[in-house]
Amino acid sequence: MASDQVRIVKVPLEGRAPSRWRWVAVALGFAVLIGLGFAIMARHDSAVQVQRDAFWRVEGPPCAPLEPLTFRSLRRLPQATPYDDVLFRRLGGTMTCTHLIDRTGGAAERYPVCKFTAPDYLVVSVGGRDRFFDLTGGHAAAVEVRGGQVRCAVIPPFRM
């Protein structure tokens, strides 16, 4: 057989040609799936933020005050931790801190919040003033410092 006798011909396929509407449906399906994914992520992020806000909330009965002379007469030196413009001194326990931002009158106010796991004594120094707290008995505490004002609350035990 000679090469001039061979012919290559395109044979038409049987069946319908692919519809463009099928591709529109597929693209629309992907868009819906992506939209659902973003909605699920937004809902999850919102739930995580609610949990974070609940963890750092300073609510509970106020911490018991401590006589400054009692703290100064301790034989052991307290652990001192500066955070922003606040100095925290504690005897025992551990601490973790963060910043929260609240809007008051349209302006954002940033302030520190710290949580303590069972310190015996706690001193919060801000603006040259010391506030002394007695947390003996294994009480955990949360402290916020807003506008130079210290607020300490006894909270349930927590894990870091």
N, C-alpha and C. Protein backbone atom coordinates (compact mmCIF):
# COMPACT_ATOMS: atom_id res chain seq x y z
N MET A 1 0.84 -1.15 0.00
CA MET A 1 0.00 0.00 0.00
C MET A 1 0.89 1.22 0.00
N ALA A 2 0.61 2.11 -0.86
CA ALA A 2 1.42 3.31 -1.00
C ALA A 2 0.88 4.38 -0.09
N SER A 3 1.74 5.28 0.29
CA SER A 3 1.34 6.34 1.21
C SER A 3 0.37 7.32 0.58
N ASP A 4 0.32 7.40 -0.73
CA ASP A 4 -0.62 8.33 -1.35
C ASP A 4 -2.04 7.75 -1.37
N GLN A 5 -2.18 6.49 -1.00
CA GLN A 5 -3.50 5.88 -0.98
C GLN A 5 -4.14 5.98 0.41
N VAL A 6 -3.41 6.40 1.43
CA VAL A 6 -3.93 6.49 2.80
C VAL A 6 -4.52 7.87 3.01
N ARG A 7 -5.73 7.90 3.49
CA ARG A 7 -6.39 9.16 3.80
C ARG A 7 -6.81 9.16 5.27
N ILE A 8 -6.55 10.26 5.94
CA ILE A 8 -6.97 10.39 7.33
C ILE A 8 -8.17 11.31 7.34
N VAL A 9 -9.23 10.81 7.86
CA VAL A 9 -10.49 11.55 7.88
C VAL A 9 -10.98 11.61 9.33
N LYS A 10 -11.51 12.75 9.71
CA LYS A 10 -12.06 12.93 11.04
C LYS A 10 -13.46 12.33 11.04
N VAL A 11 -13.66 11.36 11.90
CA VAL A 11 -14.94 10.66 11.98
C VAL A 11 -15.78 11.38 13.04
N PRO A 12 -16.99 11.80 12.71
CA PRO A 12 -17.82 12.47 13.70
C PRO A 12 -18.26 11.47 14.78
N LEU A 13 -18.26 11.97 16.05
CA LEU A 13 -18.69 11.14 17.17
C LEU A 13 -20.20 11.19 17.26
N GLU A 14 -20.73 10.10 17.68
CA GLU A 14 -22.18 10.06 17.83
C GLU A 14 -22.55 10.62 19.19
N GLY A 15 -23.71 11.15 19.32
CA GLY A 15 -24.19 11.71 20.58
C GLY A 15 -24.29 13.21 20.49
N ARG A 16 -24.71 13.79 21.60
CA ARG A 16 -24.91 15.22 21.63
C ARG A 16 -23.61 15.94 21.94
N ALA A 17 -23.52 17.14 21.45
CA ALA A 17 -22.37 17.98 21.77
C ALA A 17 -22.51 18.47 23.21
N PRO A 18 -21.39 18.67 23.93
CA PRO A 18 -21.48 19.14 25.31
C PRO A 18 -22.17 20.51 25.37
N SER A 19 -23.07 20.63 26.33
CA SER A 19 -23.84 21.85 26.47
C SER A 19 -23.07 22.87 27.30
N ARG A 20 -23.16 24.12 26.91
CA ARG A 20 -22.52 25.18 27.69
C ARG A 20 -23.24 25.39 29.02
N TRP A 21 -24.51 25.06 29.07
CA TRP A 21 -25.26 25.22 30.31
C TRP A 21 -24.75 24.27 31.39
N ARG A 22 -24.21 23.14 30.99
CA ARG A 22 -23.64 22.21 31.96
C ARG A 22 -22.48 22.88 32.69
N TRP A 23 -21.64 23.59 31.96
CA TRP A 23 -20.50 24.28 32.58
C TRP A 23 -20.96 25.41 33.50
N VAL A 24 -22.04 26.07 33.12
CA VAL A 24 -22.61 27.11 33.99
C VAL A 24 -23.09 26.49 35.30
N ALA A 25 -23.74 25.32 35.21
CA ALA A 25 -24.23 24.64 36.41
C ALA A 25 -23.06 24.20 37.30
N VAL A 26 -22.00 23.69 36.67
CA VAL A 26 -20.83 23.26 37.45
C VAL A 26 -20.18 24.47 38.13
N ALA A 27 -20.02 25.57 37.41
CA ALA A 27 -19.42 26.78 37.99
C ALA A 27 -20.30 27.31 39.12
N LEU A 28 -21.62 27.31 38.93
CA LEU A 28 -22.53 27.77 39.97
C LEU A 28 -22.44 26.87 41.21
N GLY A 29 -22.32 25.57 41.00
CA GLY A 29 -22.17 24.64 42.12
C GLY A 29 -20.91 24.91 42.91
N PHE A 30 -19.79 25.16 42.20
CA PHE A 30 -18.55 25.49 42.90
C PHE A 30 -18.68 26.80 43.68
N ALA A 31 -19.35 27.78 43.09
CA ALA A 31 -19.54 29.07 43.77
C ALA A 31 -20.36 28.89 45.05
N VAL A 32 -21.39 28.05 44.99
CA VAL A 32 -22.21 27.79 46.18
C VAL A 32 -21.38 27.08 47.25
N LEU A 33 -20.57 26.10 46.87
CA LEU A 33 -19.72 25.39 47.83
C LEU A 33 -18.71 26.34 48.48
N ILE A 34 -18.11 27.21 47.69
CA ILE A 34 -17.14 28.17 48.24
C ILE A 34 -17.84 29.12 49.20
N GLY A 35 -19.03 29.59 48.82
CA GLY A 35 -19.80 30.47 49.70
C GLY A 35 -20.16 29.80 51.01
N LEU A 36 -20.57 28.53 50.96
CA LEU A 36 -20.87 27.79 52.18
C LEU A 36 -19.62 27.62 53.04
N GLY A 37 -18.50 27.37 52.41
CA GLY A 37 -17.24 27.25 53.15
C GLY A 37 -16.91 28.53 53.90
N PHE A 38 -17.07 29.68 53.23
CA PHE A 38 -16.80 30.95 53.90
C PHE A 38 -17.79 31.20 55.04
N ALA A 39 -19.05 30.84 54.85
CA ALA A 39 -20.05 31.03 55.90
C ALA A 39 -19.72 30.16 57.11
N ILE A 40 -19.29 28.93 56.88
CA ILE A 40 -18.93 28.03 57.99
C ILE A 40 -17.70 28.57 58.71
N MET A 41 -16.72 29.06 57.99
CA MET A 41 -15.52 29.62 58.62
C MET A 41 -15.87 30.87 59.44
N ALA A 42 -16.76 31.71 58.93
CA ALA A 42 -17.15 32.92 59.66
C ALA A 42 -17.89 32.55 60.94
N ARG A 43 -18.77 31.56 60.87
CA ARG A 43 -19.49 31.13 62.07
C ARG A 43 -18.52 30.54 63.09
N HIS A 44 -17.55 29.76 62.64
CA HIS A 44 -16.55 29.19 63.54
C HIS A 44 -15.71 30.29 64.19
N ASP A 45 -15.26 31.26 63.40
CA ASP A 45 -14.47 32.37 63.95
C ASP A 45 -15.27 33.15 64.99
N SER A 46 -16.55 33.33 64.74
CA SER A 46 -17.42 34.03 65.68
C SER A 46 -17.53 33.25 66.99
N ALA A 47 -17.68 31.93 66.90
CA ALA A 47 -17.78 31.10 68.10
C ALA A 47 -16.48 31.13 68.89
N VAL A 48 -15.36 31.09 68.20
CA VAL A 48 -14.06 31.17 68.88
C VAL A 48 -13.91 32.51 69.59
N GLN A 49 -14.34 33.59 68.95
CA GLN A 49 -14.26 34.91 69.57
C GLN A 49 -15.13 35.00 70.81
N VAL A 50 -16.31 34.40 70.78
CA VAL A 50 -17.19 34.39 71.95
C VAL A 50 -16.52 33.62 73.10
N GLN A 51 -15.89 32.49 72.80
CA GLN A 51 -15.19 31.73 73.83
C GLN A 51 -14.02 32.54 74.41
N ARG A 52 -13.28 33.22 73.55
CA ARG A 52 -12.16 34.04 74.00
C ARG A 52 -12.64 35.18 74.89
N ASP A 53 -13.73 35.82 74.49
CA ASP A 53 -14.27 36.91 75.30
C ASP A 53 -14.74 36.39 76.67
N ALA A 54 -15.36 35.22 76.69
CA ALA A 54 -15.81 34.65 77.96
C ALA A 54 -14.63 34.30 78.84
N PHE A 55 -13.54 33.80 78.26
CA PHE A 55 -12.36 33.44 79.05
C PHE A 55 -11.74 34.67 79.71
N TRP A 56 -11.67 35.79 79.00
CA TRP A 56 -10.99 36.97 79.53
C TRP A 56 -11.92 37.92 80.28
N ARG A 57 -13.18 37.56 80.44
CA ARG A 57 -14.12 38.42 81.16
C ARG A 57 -13.73 38.47 82.64
N VAL A 58 -13.76 39.66 83.21
CA VAL A 58 -13.42 39.85 84.63
C VAL A 58 -14.74 39.99 85.38
N GLU A 59 -15.28 38.86 85.80
CA GLU A 59 -16.54 38.84 86.54
C GLU A 59 -16.39 37.92 87.73
N GLY A 60 -17.02 38.30 88.81
CA GLY A 60 -16.99 37.51 90.03
C GLY A 60 -16.91 38.42 91.23
N PRO A 61 -16.88 37.83 92.41
CA PRO A 61 -16.78 38.65 93.61
C PRO A 61 -15.41 39.34 93.67
N PRO A 62 -15.36 40.53 94.24
CA PRO A 62 -14.08 41.24 94.30
C PRO A 62 -13.07 40.50 95.17
N CYS A 63 -11.81 40.66 94.83
CA CYS A 63 -10.73 40.05 95.61
C CYS A 63 -10.67 40.70 96.99
N ALA A 64 -10.31 39.91 97.98
CA ALA A 64 -10.19 40.44 99.34
C ALA A 64 -8.98 41.36 99.43
N PRO A 65 -9.13 42.48 100.11
CA PRO A 65 -7.97 43.38 100.26
C PRO A 65 -6.95 42.79 101.21
N LEU A 66 -5.74 43.28 101.11
CA LEU A 66 -4.63 42.82 101.95
C LEU A 66 -3.97 44.05 102.56
N GLU A 67 -3.59 43.94 103.81
CA GLU A 67 -2.86 45.03 104.45
C GLU A 67 -1.47 45.12 103.84
N PRO A 68 -1.04 46.31 103.43
CA PRO A 68 0.30 46.46 102.84
C PRO A 68 1.41 45.96 103.74
N LEU A 69 1.24 46.13 105.05
CA LEU A 69 2.27 45.69 106.00
C LEU A 69 2.45 44.17 105.95
N THR A 70 1.37 43.44 105.74
CA THR A 70 1.44 41.98 105.63
C THR A 70 2.28 41.58 104.42
N PHE A 71 2.05 42.24 103.30
CA PHE A 71 2.80 41.91 102.09
C PHE A 71 4.28 42.27 102.25
N ARG A 72 4.54 43.40 102.83
CA ARG A 72 5.94 43.86 102.98
C ARG A 72 6.71 43.06 104.01
N SER A 73 6.01 42.35 104.90
CA SER A 73 6.70 41.57 105.92
C SER A 73 6.97 40.13 105.47
N LEU A 74 6.66 39.79 104.24
CA LEU A 74 6.90 38.44 103.75
C LEU A 74 8.40 38.16 103.68
N ARG A 75 8.77 36.93 103.98
CA ARG A 75 10.18 36.57 103.96
C ARG A 75 10.67 36.25 102.55
N ARG A 76 9.76 35.79 101.68
CA ARG A 76 10.14 35.49 100.30
C ARG A 76 9.88 36.70 99.43
N LEU A 77 10.69 36.84 98.40
CA LEU A 77 10.47 37.93 97.45
C LEU A 77 9.41 37.50 96.44
N PRO A 78 8.49 38.38 96.12
CA PRO A 78 7.45 38.03 95.14
C PRO A 78 8.01 38.05 93.72
N GLN A 79 7.33 37.36 92.84
CA GLN A 79 7.66 37.42 91.42
C GLN A 79 7.09 38.73 90.88
N ALA A 80 7.89 39.46 90.14
CA ALA A 80 7.44 40.73 89.57
C ALA A 80 7.38 40.61 88.05
N THR A 81 6.27 41.02 87.48
CA THR A 81 6.09 40.95 86.04
C THR A 81 5.52 42.28 85.54
N PRO A 82 6.30 43.04 84.77
CA PRO A 82 5.73 44.25 84.18
C PRO A 82 4.95 43.88 82.91
N TYR A 83 3.81 44.51 82.75
CA TYR A 83 3.00 44.31 81.55
C TYR A 83 2.39 45.66 81.21
N ASP A 84 2.77 46.20 80.08
CA ASP A 84 2.42 47.57 79.70
C ASP A 84 2.97 48.51 80.78
N ASP A 85 2.12 49.36 81.31
CA ASP A 85 2.54 50.30 82.35
C ASP A 85 2.14 49.81 83.73
N VAL A 86 1.90 48.52 83.86
CA VAL A 86 1.44 47.94 85.12
C VAL A 86 2.49 46.95 85.60
N LEU A 87 2.74 46.96 86.91
CA LEU A 87 3.66 45.99 87.52
C LEU A 87 2.84 45.07 88.40
N PHE A 88 2.90 43.77 88.09
CA PHE A 88 2.21 42.76 88.89
C PHE A 88 3.24 42.04 89.73
N ARG A 89 3.00 41.98 91.03
CA ARG A 89 3.86 41.22 91.94
C ARG A 89 2.98 40.20 92.64
N ARG A 90 3.43 38.95 92.61
CA ARG A 90 2.62 37.88 93.18
C ARG A 90 3.50 36.91 93.94
N LEU A 91 2.89 36.25 94.89
CA LEU A 91 3.56 35.20 95.63
C LEU A 91 2.84 33.91 95.31
N GLY A 92 3.43 33.11 94.42
CA GLY A 92 2.84 31.84 94.01
C GLY A 92 1.97 32.00 92.77
N GLY A 93 1.60 30.87 92.22
CA GLY A 93 0.73 30.85 91.06
C GLY A 93 1.44 31.27 89.78
N THR A 94 0.72 31.17 88.68
CA THR A 94 1.23 31.61 87.38
C THR A 94 0.26 32.64 86.82
N MET A 95 0.68 33.31 85.76
CA MET A 95 -0.18 34.34 85.19
C MET A 95 -0.12 34.30 83.68
N THR A 96 -1.18 34.80 83.07
CA THR A 96 -1.24 34.99 81.63
C THR A 96 -1.98 36.30 81.38
N CYS A 97 -1.56 37.03 80.37
CA CYS A 97 -2.13 38.36 80.12
C CYS A 97 -2.46 38.54 78.64
N THR A 98 -3.34 39.47 78.39
CA THR A 98 -3.67 39.89 77.03
C THR A 98 -4.16 41.33 77.09
N HIS A 99 -4.46 41.85 75.92
CA HIS A 99 -5.08 43.18 75.82
C HIS A 99 -6.48 43.03 75.26
N LEU A 100 -7.39 43.80 75.79
CA LEU A 100 -8.73 43.86 75.24
C LEU A 100 -8.96 45.26 74.72
N ILE A 101 -9.85 45.38 73.76
CA ILE A 101 -10.17 46.68 73.18
C ILE A 101 -11.68 46.85 73.25
N ASP A 102 -12.10 47.92 73.91
CA ASP A 102 -13.52 48.27 73.98
C ASP A 102 -13.71 49.64 73.36
N ARG A 103 -14.87 49.84 72.78
CA ARG A 103 -15.19 51.15 72.21
C ARG A 103 -16.09 51.89 73.19
N THR A 104 -15.63 53.03 73.64
CA THR A 104 -16.42 53.87 74.53
C THR A 104 -16.52 55.25 73.90
N GLY A 105 -17.73 55.63 73.56
CA GLY A 105 -17.93 56.94 72.93
C GLY A 105 -17.28 57.04 71.56
N GLY A 106 -17.16 55.92 70.86
CA GLY A 106 -16.58 55.93 69.52
C GLY A 106 -15.08 55.76 69.50
N ALA A 107 -14.41 55.99 70.63
CA ALA A 107 -12.95 55.84 70.68
C ALA A 107 -12.61 54.45 71.22
N ALA A 108 -11.58 53.85 70.64
CA ALA A 108 -11.13 52.54 71.08
C ALA A 108 -10.25 52.69 72.31
N GLU A 109 -10.56 51.90 73.33
CA GLU A 109 -9.77 51.91 74.56
C GLU A 109 -9.11 50.54 74.71
N ARG A 110 -7.79 50.53 74.78
CA ARG A 110 -7.02 49.29 74.90
C ARG A 110 -6.54 49.18 76.34
N TYR A 111 -6.76 48.03 76.97
CA TYR A 111 -6.37 47.87 78.37
C TYR A 111 -5.93 46.42 78.62
N PRO A 112 -5.04 46.24 79.60
CA PRO A 112 -4.56 44.88 79.90
C PRO A 112 -5.50 44.13 80.84
N VAL A 113 -5.57 42.82 80.61
CA VAL A 113 -6.30 41.91 81.49
C VAL A 113 -5.37 40.73 81.76
N CYS A 114 -5.22 40.39 83.04
CA CYS A 114 -4.37 39.26 83.43
C CYS A 114 -5.15 38.30 84.30
N LYS A 115 -4.84 37.02 84.15
CA LYS A 115 -5.45 35.98 84.97
C LYS A 115 -4.34 35.28 85.75
N PHE A 116 -4.66 34.93 86.99
CA PHE A 116 -3.69 34.32 87.90
C PHE A 116 -4.26 33.02 88.44
N THR A 117 -3.40 32.00 88.48
CA THR A 117 -3.80 30.71 89.05
C THR A 117 -3.30 30.63 90.47
N ALA A 118 -4.16 30.86 91.40
CA ALA A 118 -3.92 30.64 92.83
C ALA A 118 -2.68 31.31 93.41
N PRO A 119 -2.50 32.61 93.25
CA PRO A 119 -1.42 33.25 94.00
C PRO A 119 -1.89 33.47 95.44
N ASP A 120 -0.98 33.47 96.39
CA ASP A 120 -1.38 33.75 97.77
C ASP A 120 -1.65 35.24 97.94
N TYR A 121 -0.72 36.05 97.45
CA TYR A 121 -0.86 37.50 97.56
C TYR A 121 -0.57 38.12 96.20
N LEU A 122 -1.23 39.23 95.93
CA LEU A 122 -1.07 39.90 94.65
C LEU A 122 -1.04 41.41 94.87
N VAL A 123 -0.08 42.07 94.23
CA VAL A 123 0.02 43.53 94.28
C VAL A 123 0.03 44.03 92.85
N VAL A 124 -0.83 44.99 92.56
CA VAL A 124 -0.92 45.60 91.24
C VAL A 124 -0.50 47.06 91.39
N SER A 125 0.58 47.43 90.71
CA SER A 125 1.10 48.80 90.80
C SER A 125 0.87 49.50 89.47
N VAL A 126 0.14 50.63 89.53
CA VAL A 126 -0.12 51.42 88.33
C VAL A 126 -0.17 52.88 88.75
N GLY A 127 0.52 53.71 88.00
CA GLY A 127 0.50 55.15 88.28
C GLY A 127 1.05 55.52 89.63
N GLY A 128 2.02 54.77 90.15
CA GLY A 128 2.61 55.08 91.45
C GLY A 128 1.78 54.62 92.64
N ARG A 129 0.65 53.97 92.40
CA ARG A 129 -0.20 53.47 93.48
C ARG A 129 -0.19 51.96 93.48
N ASP A 130 -0.22 51.38 94.66
CA ASP A 130 -0.24 49.92 94.82
C ASP A 130 -1.61 49.49 95.34
N ARG A 131 -2.13 48.40 94.78
CA ARG A 131 -3.35 47.78 95.28
C ARG A 131 -2.97 46.37 95.72
N PHE A 132 -3.30 46.01 96.95
CA PHE A 132 -2.92 44.75 97.56
C PHE A 132 -4.14 43.84 97.67
N PHE A 133 -3.97 42.56 97.26
CA PHE A 133 -5.07 41.61 97.29
C PHE A 133 -4.63 40.32 97.96
N ASP A 134 -5.53 39.75 98.77
CA ASP A 134 -5.29 38.49 99.48
C ASP A 134 -6.08 37.39 98.79
N LEU A 135 -5.37 36.43 98.21
CA LEU A 135 -6.03 35.33 97.49
C LEU A 135 -5.68 33.98 98.09
N THR A 136 -5.35 33.96 99.38
CA THR A 136 -5.00 32.69 100.01
C THR A 136 -6.19 31.75 99.94
N GLY A 137 -5.90 30.48 99.98
CA GLY A 137 -6.96 29.48 99.88
C GLY A 137 -7.10 28.92 98.48
N GLY A 138 -6.15 29.20 97.61
CA GLY A 138 -6.16 28.61 96.27
C GLY A 138 -7.12 29.27 95.30
N HIS A 139 -7.45 30.54 95.51
CA HIS A 139 -8.36 31.24 94.61
C HIS A 139 -7.63 31.73 93.37
N ALA A 140 -8.28 31.61 92.23
CA ALA A 140 -7.78 32.20 91.00
C ALA A 140 -8.35 33.60 90.90
N ALA A 141 -7.68 34.47 90.14
CA ALA A 141 -8.14 35.86 90.03
C ALA A 141 -7.95 36.37 88.62
N ALA A 142 -8.79 37.34 88.26
CA ALA A 142 -8.66 38.06 87.00
C ALA A 142 -8.57 39.54 87.35
N VAL A 143 -7.63 40.24 86.71
CA VAL A 143 -7.40 41.66 87.00
C VAL A 143 -7.41 42.44 85.70
N GLU A 144 -8.17 43.53 85.69
CA GLU A 144 -8.12 44.44 84.55
C GLU A 144 -7.74 45.82 85.06
N VAL A 145 -6.99 46.54 84.23
CA VAL A 145 -6.56 47.89 84.57
C VAL A 145 -7.05 48.80 83.45
N ARG A 146 -8.07 49.60 83.77
CA ARG A 146 -8.67 50.51 82.79
C ARG A 146 -8.60 51.92 83.32
N GLY A 147 -8.00 52.78 82.55
CA GLY A 147 -7.94 54.19 82.94
C GLY A 147 -7.29 54.40 84.30
N GLY A 148 -6.29 53.59 84.62
CA GLY A 148 -5.60 53.73 85.90
C GLY A 148 -6.33 53.08 87.06
N GLN A 149 -7.52 52.52 86.83
CA GLN A 149 -8.30 51.87 87.88
C GLN A 149 -8.10 50.36 87.80
N VAL A 150 -7.84 49.75 88.95
CA VAL A 150 -7.59 48.32 89.03
C VAL A 150 -8.86 47.63 89.51
N ARG A 151 -9.25 46.57 88.82
CA ARG A 151 -10.39 45.77 89.24
C ARG A 151 -9.94 44.32 89.30
N CYS A 152 -10.10 43.71 90.46
CA CYS A 152 -9.71 42.31 90.67
C CYS A 152 -10.96 41.52 91.06
N ALA A 153 -11.13 40.35 90.45
CA ALA A 153 -12.27 39.49 90.74
C ALA A 153 -11.78 38.06 90.97
N VAL A 154 -12.40 37.41 91.93
CA VAL A 154 -12.12 35.99 92.18
C VAL A 154 -12.91 35.20 91.14
N ILE A 155 -12.21 34.30 90.46
CA ILE A 155 -12.82 33.53 89.37
C ILE A 155 -12.65 32.04 89.64
N PRO A 156 -13.40 31.21 88.95
CA PRO A 156 -13.19 29.77 89.10
C PRO A 156 -11.81 29.37 88.58
N PRO A 157 -11.28 28.27 89.05
CA PRO A 157 -9.97 27.80 88.55
C PRO A 157 -10.04 27.58 87.03
N PHE A 158 -8.93 27.80 86.38
CA PHE A 158 -8.88 27.67 84.92
C PHE A 158 -7.57 27.02 84.54
N ARG A 159 -7.53 26.54 83.29
CA ARG A 159 -6.30 25.94 82.76
C ARG A 159 -5.72 26.86 81.70
N MET A 160 -4.42 26.92 81.67
CA MET A 160 -3.74 27.73 80.63
C MET A 160 -3.28 26.83 79.52
